[in-house]
């Protein structure tokens, strides 16, 4: 993987770049649709490519390991061949999913033992095993195993957790560097900064992660219960340390406003289930604010979902029609909302990229933030 830093905003830390992988290029800043089990819920891949303009999607090691299983994925030739997506894929190590199973997992130095949420079967994830699984899945970018602490964790727990994540990282790096990709294209390994909401721990973690000299870095353990302003503070602490010539990936974040604030602070890559999950429940994100499509007020509003036309669905479907679909519990409602929201997120980071290039990102961002959080 190669990263070329292209532009920097004169009034902030926002920047644009170009990531090149063996499955194609990614223009940053970028939002990555979440395809947890090898599919982005309610969205066809041709829609992801042609209408949403997605450049990279995510898969999840925990879920893909359990179903369909790595034997099936290996027989298929990797996830790209299995699902037909020929652009880059990033896989989350599954750490967040495993650690969210607090009642069924047991953590120790070796790794973490957990029980499947599907059939109760027992499994062990070690830093080495997670590398091997992601090699088999065949993602272009694979993540280190880490422990994601909640935003409310106390200092002592956060420190011990961070130190364990660092020890696991050293083992994961060794495993990655002594193994080879399986399908004839290169793979990249991203470490993850932890440290909860404590600036000194975040600083220590960022310094340790940067010392590993990898091709990109992730910021984890945010948007997990801490106040939004604390999240922004932690991003600033970390990005002062992480190398400027490598991409920075903020994991699992977030709202459109969160994304613009993080771009301003020097983040390049984002993912979140919010556009699809919220979309399936009737929440539509637009350039002028947020709509609940089940509300009566849209019953006879025949204007597009978003007048700016950030998605092809805006050219065909009115607010009144989409509301009708939701009220009628039609599956098409979830599909339209998911496509629209993902297209909007990709439009938003694309606009951010344009304004960074033009040198007026800060003023544009301020105007957008004043609109994006409004409830319409």
Protein backbone atom coordinates (compact mmCIF):
# COMPACT_ATOMS: atom_id res chain seq x y z
CA UNK A 1 0.00 0.00 0.00
CA UNK A 2 1.17 3.52 -0.77
CA UNK A 3 -0.11 6.85 0.59
CA UNK A 4 0.51 10.16 -1.17
CA UNK A 5 -0.28 13.31 0.80
CA UNK A 6 -1.67 15.78 -1.74
CA UNK A 7 -3.13 18.94 -0.16
CA UNK A 8 -3.33 20.56 3.25
CA UNK A 9 -5.86 23.16 4.33
CA UNK A 10 -4.07 26.40 5.30
CA UNK A 11 -6.30 27.02 8.33
CA UNK A 12 -6.58 23.54 9.89
CA UNK A 13 -5.04 20.07 9.89
CA UNK A 14 -7.43 18.83 7.17
CA UNK A 15 -5.67 17.20 4.26
CA UNK A 16 -6.27 15.17 1.11
CA UNK A 17 -4.37 12.11 -0.01
CA UNK A 18 -4.35 9.11 -2.30
CA UNK A 19 -4.08 5.52 -1.05
CA UNK A 20 -3.02 2.99 -3.67
CA UNK A 21 -3.70 -0.71 -3.14
CA UNK A 22 -3.57 -3.68 -5.48
CA UNK A 23 -7.37 -3.48 -5.76
CA UNK A 24 -7.45 0.21 -6.67
CA UNK A 25 -7.01 3.72 -5.38
CA UNK A 26 -8.79 5.50 -2.53
CA UNK A 27 -9.10 9.28 -2.42
CA UNK A 28 -9.00 10.65 1.11
CA UNK A 29 -10.73 11.80 3.19
CA UNK A 30 -12.95 8.79 2.65
CA UNK A 31 -15.94 7.11 4.27
CA UNK A 32 -16.01 3.31 4.12
CA UNK A 33 -19.42 1.56 4.09
CA UNK A 34 -19.62 -1.26 6.61
CA UNK A 35 -20.14 -4.72 5.15
CA UNK A 36 -19.89 -6.72 8.35
CA UNK A 37 -20.62 -10.21 6.99
CA UNK A 38 -19.42 -9.55 3.45
CA UNK A 39 -22.40 -7.44 2.40
CA UNK A 40 -23.56 -3.87 3.01
CA UNK A 41 -27.07 -4.37 4.34
CA UNK A 42 -29.86 -3.67 1.83
CA UNK A 43 -27.42 -2.48 -0.87
CA UNK A 44 -26.24 -4.23 -4.06
CA UNK A 45 -22.57 -3.96 -5.01
CA UNK A 46 -23.44 -2.31 -8.32
CA UNK A 47 -25.21 0.40 -6.33
CA UNK A 48 -22.16 0.79 -4.09
CA UNK A 49 -19.98 1.32 -7.14
CA UNK A 50 -22.17 3.27 -9.52
CA UNK A 51 -24.56 5.25 -7.32
CA UNK A 52 -22.86 5.56 -3.94
CA UNK A 53 -19.33 5.79 -5.44
CA UNK A 54 -17.79 3.71 -2.65
CA UNK A 55 -14.06 3.21 -3.04
CA UNK A 56 -13.51 0.72 -0.20
CA UNK A 57 -15.76 -1.32 2.10
CA UNK A 58 -15.30 -3.12 5.43
CA UNK A 59 -15.68 -6.69 6.53
CA UNK A 60 -15.49 -8.02 10.09
CA UNK A 61 -13.18 -10.82 11.17
CA UNK A 62 -15.35 -12.01 14.05
CA UNK A 63 -18.50 -12.38 11.95
CA UNK A 64 -16.80 -13.78 8.84
CA UNK A 65 -14.84 -16.26 10.96
CA UNK A 66 -18.07 -17.62 12.43
CA UNK A 67 -20.10 -17.48 9.21
CA UNK A 68 -19.47 -18.49 6.45
CA UNK A 69 -16.16 -19.58 8.04
CA UNK A 70 -12.58 -19.26 6.85
CA UNK A 71 -12.65 -22.66 5.12
CA UNK A 72 -15.36 -21.44 2.73
CA UNK A 73 -13.60 -18.12 2.18
CA UNK A 74 -10.31 -19.86 1.42
CA UNK A 75 -11.99 -22.23 -1.02
CA UNK A 76 -13.56 -19.21 -2.74
CA UNK A 77 -10.19 -17.50 -3.07
CA UNK A 78 -10.84 -14.83 -0.46
CA UNK A 79 -13.64 -12.39 0.25
CA UNK A 80 -13.18 -10.45 -3.01
CA UNK A 81 -13.92 -13.59 -5.00
CA UNK A 82 -16.64 -14.75 -2.61
CA UNK A 83 -18.75 -11.59 -2.76
CA UNK A 84 -17.65 -10.16 -6.12
CA UNK A 85 -16.35 -6.82 -4.80
CA UNK A 86 -13.21 -5.99 -6.80
CA UNK A 87 -12.21 -2.79 -4.99
CA UNK A 88 -10.27 -2.53 -1.71
CA UNK A 89 -11.53 -4.16 1.49
CA UNK A 90 -10.55 -3.42 5.10
CA UNK A 91 -11.24 -5.94 7.85
CA UNK A 92 -11.70 -5.03 11.50
CA UNK A 93 -9.92 -7.60 13.67
CA UNK A 94 -13.11 -8.45 15.55
CA UNK A 95 -11.77 -7.09 18.82
CA UNK A 96 -14.67 -4.71 19.33
CA UNK A 97 -17.24 -7.46 18.73
CA UNK A 98 -15.47 -9.93 21.02
CA UNK A 99 -15.09 -7.43 23.83
CA UNK A 100 -18.72 -6.40 23.57
CA UNK A 101 -19.60 -10.00 24.49
CA UNK A 102 -18.69 -9.27 28.09
CA UNK A 103 -20.74 -12.10 29.54
CA UNK A 104 -19.35 -14.81 27.26
CA UNK A 105 -15.66 -13.96 26.82
CA UNK A 106 -12.54 -14.40 28.92
CA UNK A 107 -9.43 -12.33 28.34
CA UNK A 108 -5.88 -13.32 29.18
CA UNK A 109 -2.34 -12.66 27.99
CA UNK A 110 -2.58 -15.31 25.30
CA UNK A 111 -5.67 -13.78 23.74
CA UNK A 112 -9.41 -13.78 24.27
CA UNK A 113 -11.71 -16.79 24.53
CA UNK A 114 -15.32 -16.25 23.53
CA UNK A 115 -18.52 -18.09 22.73
CA UNK A 116 -20.21 -17.65 19.38
CA UNK A 117 -23.41 -15.62 19.46
CA UNK A 118 -24.73 -18.01 16.79
CA UNK A 119 -24.36 -21.46 18.34
CA UNK A 120 -22.46 -21.00 21.60
CA UNK A 121 -19.30 -22.70 20.30
CA UNK A 122 -16.04 -21.73 22.01
CA UNK A 123 -13.17 -20.01 20.16
CA UNK A 124 -9.83 -18.33 20.87
CA UNK A 125 -8.57 -15.18 19.16
CA UNK A 126 -4.88 -14.47 19.63
CA UNK A 127 -2.97 -11.66 17.93
CA UNK A 128 -1.35 -14.24 15.66
CA UNK A 129 -4.57 -16.08 14.89
CA UNK A 130 -6.34 -12.85 13.95
CA UNK A 131 -3.57 -12.06 11.45
CA UNK A 132 -3.87 -15.55 9.96
CA UNK A 133 -7.67 -15.27 9.68
CA UNK A 134 -7.44 -11.91 7.94
CA UNK A 135 -4.80 -13.31 5.58
CA UNK A 136 -7.36 -15.95 4.59
CA UNK A 137 -10.20 -13.41 4.30
CA UNK A 138 -7.88 -11.56 1.95
CA UNK A 139 -8.51 -7.94 2.94
CA UNK A 140 -6.22 -5.26 1.53
CA UNK A 141 -5.96 -3.60 4.96
CA UNK A 142 -6.06 -5.73 8.10
CA UNK A 143 -6.27 -4.56 11.70
CA UNK A 144 -4.38 -5.58 14.81
CA UNK A 145 -6.19 -7.28 17.69
CA UNK A 146 -6.81 -4.76 20.46
CA UNK A 147 -9.02 -4.29 23.49
CA UNK A 148 -11.57 -1.53 23.05
CA UNK A 149 -12.19 -0.04 26.49
CA UNK A 150 -15.47 1.80 27.17
CA UNK A 151 -15.30 5.58 27.42
CA UNK A 152 -16.20 5.31 31.11
CA UNK A 153 -13.25 3.05 32.06
CA UNK A 154 -11.16 4.19 35.01
CA UNK A 155 -7.51 5.13 34.58
CA UNK A 156 -6.05 1.95 36.05
CA UNK A 157 -8.12 -0.31 33.81
CA UNK A 158 -7.46 1.86 30.73
CA UNK A 159 -3.70 1.72 31.33
CA UNK A 160 -3.60 -2.05 31.78
CA UNK A 161 -5.78 -2.50 28.70
CA UNK A 162 -3.57 -0.22 26.61
CA UNK A 163 -0.43 -2.08 27.69
CA UNK A 164 -2.03 -5.41 26.78
CA UNK A 165 -2.99 -4.00 23.38
CA UNK A 166 0.64 -2.96 22.85
CA UNK A 167 1.97 -6.42 23.77
CA UNK A 168 -0.56 -8.00 21.45
CA UNK A 169 0.50 -5.59 18.72
CA UNK A 170 4.13 -6.68 18.91
CA UNK A 171 3.03 -10.28 18.44
CA UNK A 172 0.69 -9.33 15.61
CA UNK A 173 3.42 -7.37 13.82
CA UNK A 174 5.79 -10.35 14.07
CA UNK A 175 3.14 -12.70 12.69
CA UNK A 176 2.29 -10.36 9.84
CA UNK A 177 5.92 -9.78 8.91
CA UNK A 178 6.75 -13.49 8.87
CA UNK A 179 3.76 -14.60 6.77
CA UNK A 180 2.70 -13.94 3.20
CA UNK A 181 -0.56 -12.99 1.46
CA UNK A 182 -2.47 -15.96 0.08
CA UNK A 183 -3.99 -14.69 -3.15
CA UNK A 184 -1.23 -12.91 -5.07
CA UNK A 185 -1.81 -9.31 -3.94
CA UNK A 186 -0.31 -7.32 -1.08
CA UNK A 187 -1.89 -6.72 2.32
CA UNK A 188 -1.26 -3.95 4.85
CA UNK A 189 -1.33 -4.12 8.67
CA UNK A 190 -2.68 -1.19 10.73
CA UNK A 191 -2.01 -0.90 14.49
CA UNK A 192 -4.65 0.75 16.69
CA UNK A 193 -4.11 3.56 19.21
CA UNK A 194 -5.93 3.07 22.51
CA UNK A 195 -5.82 4.87 25.88
CA UNK A 196 -9.47 5.70 26.54
CA UNK A 197 -10.12 9.35 27.50
CA UNK A 198 -6.78 9.98 29.21
CA UNK A 199 -4.43 12.30 27.27
CA UNK A 200 -1.22 10.87 28.74
CA UNK A 201 -2.28 7.32 27.84
CA UNK A 202 -3.33 8.37 24.35
CA UNK A 203 0.07 10.06 23.94
CA UNK A 204 1.92 6.95 25.13
CA UNK A 205 -0.12 4.73 22.84
CA UNK A 206 0.33 6.96 19.80
CA UNK A 207 4.08 7.06 20.37
CA UNK A 208 4.27 3.27 20.68
CA UNK A 209 2.05 2.71 17.66
CA UNK A 210 4.07 5.18 15.56
CA UNK A 211 7.28 3.38 16.53
CA UNK A 212 6.04 0.26 14.71
CA UNK A 213 6.61 2.01 11.36
CA UNK A 214 3.57 0.61 9.58
CA UNK A 215 1.88 1.87 6.41
CA UNK A 216 -1.11 3.34 8.23
CA UNK A 217 -2.54 3.82 11.72
CA UNK A 218 -5.95 3.60 13.36
CA UNK A 219 -7.48 5.43 16.31
CA UNK A 220 -9.76 3.13 18.30
CA UNK A 221 -11.77 3.28 21.48
CA UNK A 222 -13.65 6.51 20.72
CA UNK A 223 -17.38 7.17 20.32
CA UNK A 224 -17.92 4.50 22.99
CA UNK A 225 -19.62 6.58 25.65
CA UNK A 226 -17.33 9.54 26.19
CA UNK A 227 -18.51 13.16 25.58
CA UNK A 228 -18.06 14.36 22.00
CA UNK A 229 -15.65 17.14 22.95
CA UNK A 230 -13.44 14.61 24.75
CA UNK A 231 -13.36 12.51 21.58
CA UNK A 232 -12.18 15.52 19.60
CA UNK A 233 -9.52 16.26 22.22
CA UNK A 234 -8.19 12.68 22.01
CA UNK A 235 -8.01 12.92 18.20
CA UNK A 236 -5.93 16.08 18.52
CA UNK A 237 -3.56 14.48 21.04
CA UNK A 238 -3.04 11.43 18.85
CA UNK A 239 -2.67 13.24 15.53
CA UNK A 240 0.08 15.46 16.90
CA UNK A 241 2.14 12.26 17.19
CA UNK A 242 1.08 9.92 14.38
CA UNK A 243 3.20 10.43 11.23
CA UNK A 244 1.78 13.00 8.84
CA UNK A 245 2.84 10.96 5.81
CA UNK A 246 0.68 7.94 6.72
CA UNK A 247 -3.13 7.59 6.60
CA UNK A 248 -5.08 7.91 9.86
CA UNK A 249 -8.23 5.88 10.34
CA UNK A 250 -10.79 6.83 13.01
CA UNK A 251 -12.70 3.63 13.74
CA UNK A 252 -16.49 3.53 14.09
CA UNK A 253 -17.15 7.28 13.85
CA UNK A 254 -19.73 8.61 13.27
CA UNK A 255 -22.26 11.36 12.52
CA UNK A 256 -21.70 13.73 9.59
CA UNK A 257 -20.63 16.44 12.06
CA UNK A 258 -18.22 14.03 13.79
CA UNK A 259 -16.63 13.28 10.43
CA UNK A 260 -16.12 16.93 9.48
CA UNK A 261 -14.69 17.74 12.91
CA UNK A 262 -12.29 14.81 12.64
CA UNK A 263 -11.25 15.75 9.10
CA UNK A 264 -10.43 19.22 10.43
CA UNK A 265 -8.17 17.52 12.98
CA UNK A 266 -6.27 15.47 10.39
CA UNK A 267 -8.19 12.18 10.05
CA UNK A 268 -8.31 10.52 6.62
CA UNK A 269 -10.51 7.40 6.89
CA UNK A 270 -13.86 6.67 8.55
CA UNK A 271 -16.42 3.91 8.94
CA UNK A 272 -19.70 3.66 10.80
CA UNK A 273 -22.92 1.64 10.66
CA UNK A 274 -24.96 4.79 11.28
CA UNK A 275 -25.96 5.63 7.68
CA UNK A 276 -27.35 2.16 7.01
CA UNK A 277 -28.59 1.23 10.49
CA UNK A 278 -30.33 4.55 11.05
CA UNK A 279 -31.53 4.58 7.46
CA UNK A 280 -33.29 1.24 7.92
CA UNK A 281 -35.17 2.85 10.81
CA UNK A 282 -36.28 5.87 8.81
CA UNK A 283 -33.54 8.44 9.54
CA UNK A 284 -32.36 10.32 6.46
CA UNK A 285 -29.23 12.50 6.49
CA UNK A 286 -29.24 15.50 4.17
CA UNK A 287 -27.16 18.62 3.51
CA UNK A 288 -29.77 20.66 5.41
CA UNK A 289 -30.28 18.38 8.39
CA UNK A 290 -31.85 15.11 9.53
CA UNK A 291 -35.31 13.80 8.69
CA UNK A 292 -37.44 11.13 10.33
CA UNK A 293 -39.24 9.77 7.30
CA UNK A 294 -42.06 8.31 9.40
CA UNK A 295 -43.22 11.78 10.44
CA UNK A 296 -46.61 13.03 9.23
CA UNK A 297 -45.07 16.26 7.91
CA UNK A 298 -43.62 14.46 4.87
CA UNK A 299 -46.97 12.95 3.85
CA UNK A 300 -47.58 15.38 0.96
CA UNK A 301 -44.03 16.71 0.41
CA UNK A 302 -43.16 15.74 -3.15
CA UNK A 303 -39.69 17.33 -3.18
CA UNK A 304 -36.52 15.19 -3.39
CA UNK A 305 -34.98 13.70 -0.25
CA UNK A 306 -32.09 16.14 -0.62
CA UNK A 307 -32.37 19.07 -3.00
CA UNK A 308 -28.61 18.95 -3.57
CA UNK A 309 -29.02 15.54 -5.22
CA UNK A 310 -26.17 13.76 -3.46
CA UNK A 311 -27.62 10.40 -4.52
CA UNK A 312 -29.34 8.97 -7.56
CA UNK A 313 -32.35 8.10 -5.40
CA UNK A 314 -32.96 11.82 -4.90
CA UNK A 315 -33.74 12.12 -8.58
CA UNK A 316 -36.47 9.50 -8.44
CA UNK A 317 -38.04 9.34 -5.00
CA UNK A 318 -39.84 12.07 -3.12
CA UNK A 319 -40.12 12.51 0.63
CA UNK A 320 -43.81 11.63 0.40
CA UNK A 321 -43.13 8.37 -1.42
CA UNK A 322 -40.33 7.27 0.91
CA UNK A 323 -42.53 8.07 3.92
CA UNK A 324 -45.30 5.98 2.37
CA UNK A 325 -42.91 3.05 2.02
CA UNK A 326 -41.80 3.27 5.65
CA UNK A 327 -45.34 3.57 6.97
CA UNK A 328 -46.30 0.59 4.80
CA UNK A 329 -43.29 -1.37 6.08
CA UNK A 330 -42.06 -1.98 2.54
CA UNK A 331 -38.52 -3.39 2.23
CA UNK A 332 -37.80 -0.88 -0.53
CA UNK A 333 -37.89 1.87 2.11
CA UNK A 334 -34.83 0.43 3.85
CA UNK A 335 -33.00 0.04 0.55
CA UNK A 336 -33.68 3.60 -0.60
CA UNK A 337 -32.74 5.08 2.78
CA UNK A 338 -29.52 3.04 2.98
CA UNK A 339 -28.42 4.02 -0.53
CA UNK A 340 -29.28 7.66 0.05
CA UNK A 341 -27.45 7.89 3.40
CA UNK A 342 -24.32 6.16 2.12
CA UNK A 343 -24.30 8.34 -0.99
CA UNK A 344 -24.70 11.39 1.23
CA UNK A 345 -21.75 10.38 3.42
CA UNK A 346 -19.58 9.82 0.32
CA UNK A 347 -20.78 13.12 -1.12
CA UNK A 348 -19.89 14.88 2.14
CA UNK A 349 -16.30 13.61 2.30
CA UNK A 350 -15.96 14.34 -1.42
CA UNK A 351 -17.06 17.92 -0.83
CA UNK A 352 -14.61 18.15 2.07
CA UNK A 353 -11.85 16.98 -0.26
CA UNK A 354 -12.80 19.61 -2.84
CA UNK A 355 -12.79 22.43 -0.30
CA UNK A 356 -9.44 21.34 1.15
CA UNK A 357 -8.05 21.51 -2.37
CA UNK A 358 -9.58 24.97 -2.82
CA UNK A 359 -8.19 26.18 0.51
CA UNK A 360 -11.54 27.15 2.03
CA UNK A 361 -12.35 24.00 4.01
CA UNK A 362 -12.63 25.75 7.39
CA UNK A 363 -15.27 28.25 6.30
CA UNK A 364 -17.21 25.62 4.35
CA UNK A 365 -17.07 23.19 7.27
CA UNK A 366 -18.38 25.81 9.69
CA UNK A 367 -21.37 26.48 7.45
CA UNK A 368 -22.07 22.76 6.96
CA UNK A 369 -21.89 21.95 10.68
CA UNK A 370 -24.50 24.64 11.37
CA UNK A 371 -26.90 22.74 9.08
CA UNK A 372 -26.12 19.04 9.49
CA UNK A 373 -27.39 18.63 13.05
CA UNK A 374 -30.77 20.27 12.48
CA UNK A 375 -33.91 18.17 12.86
CA UNK A 376 -36.12 18.91 9.89
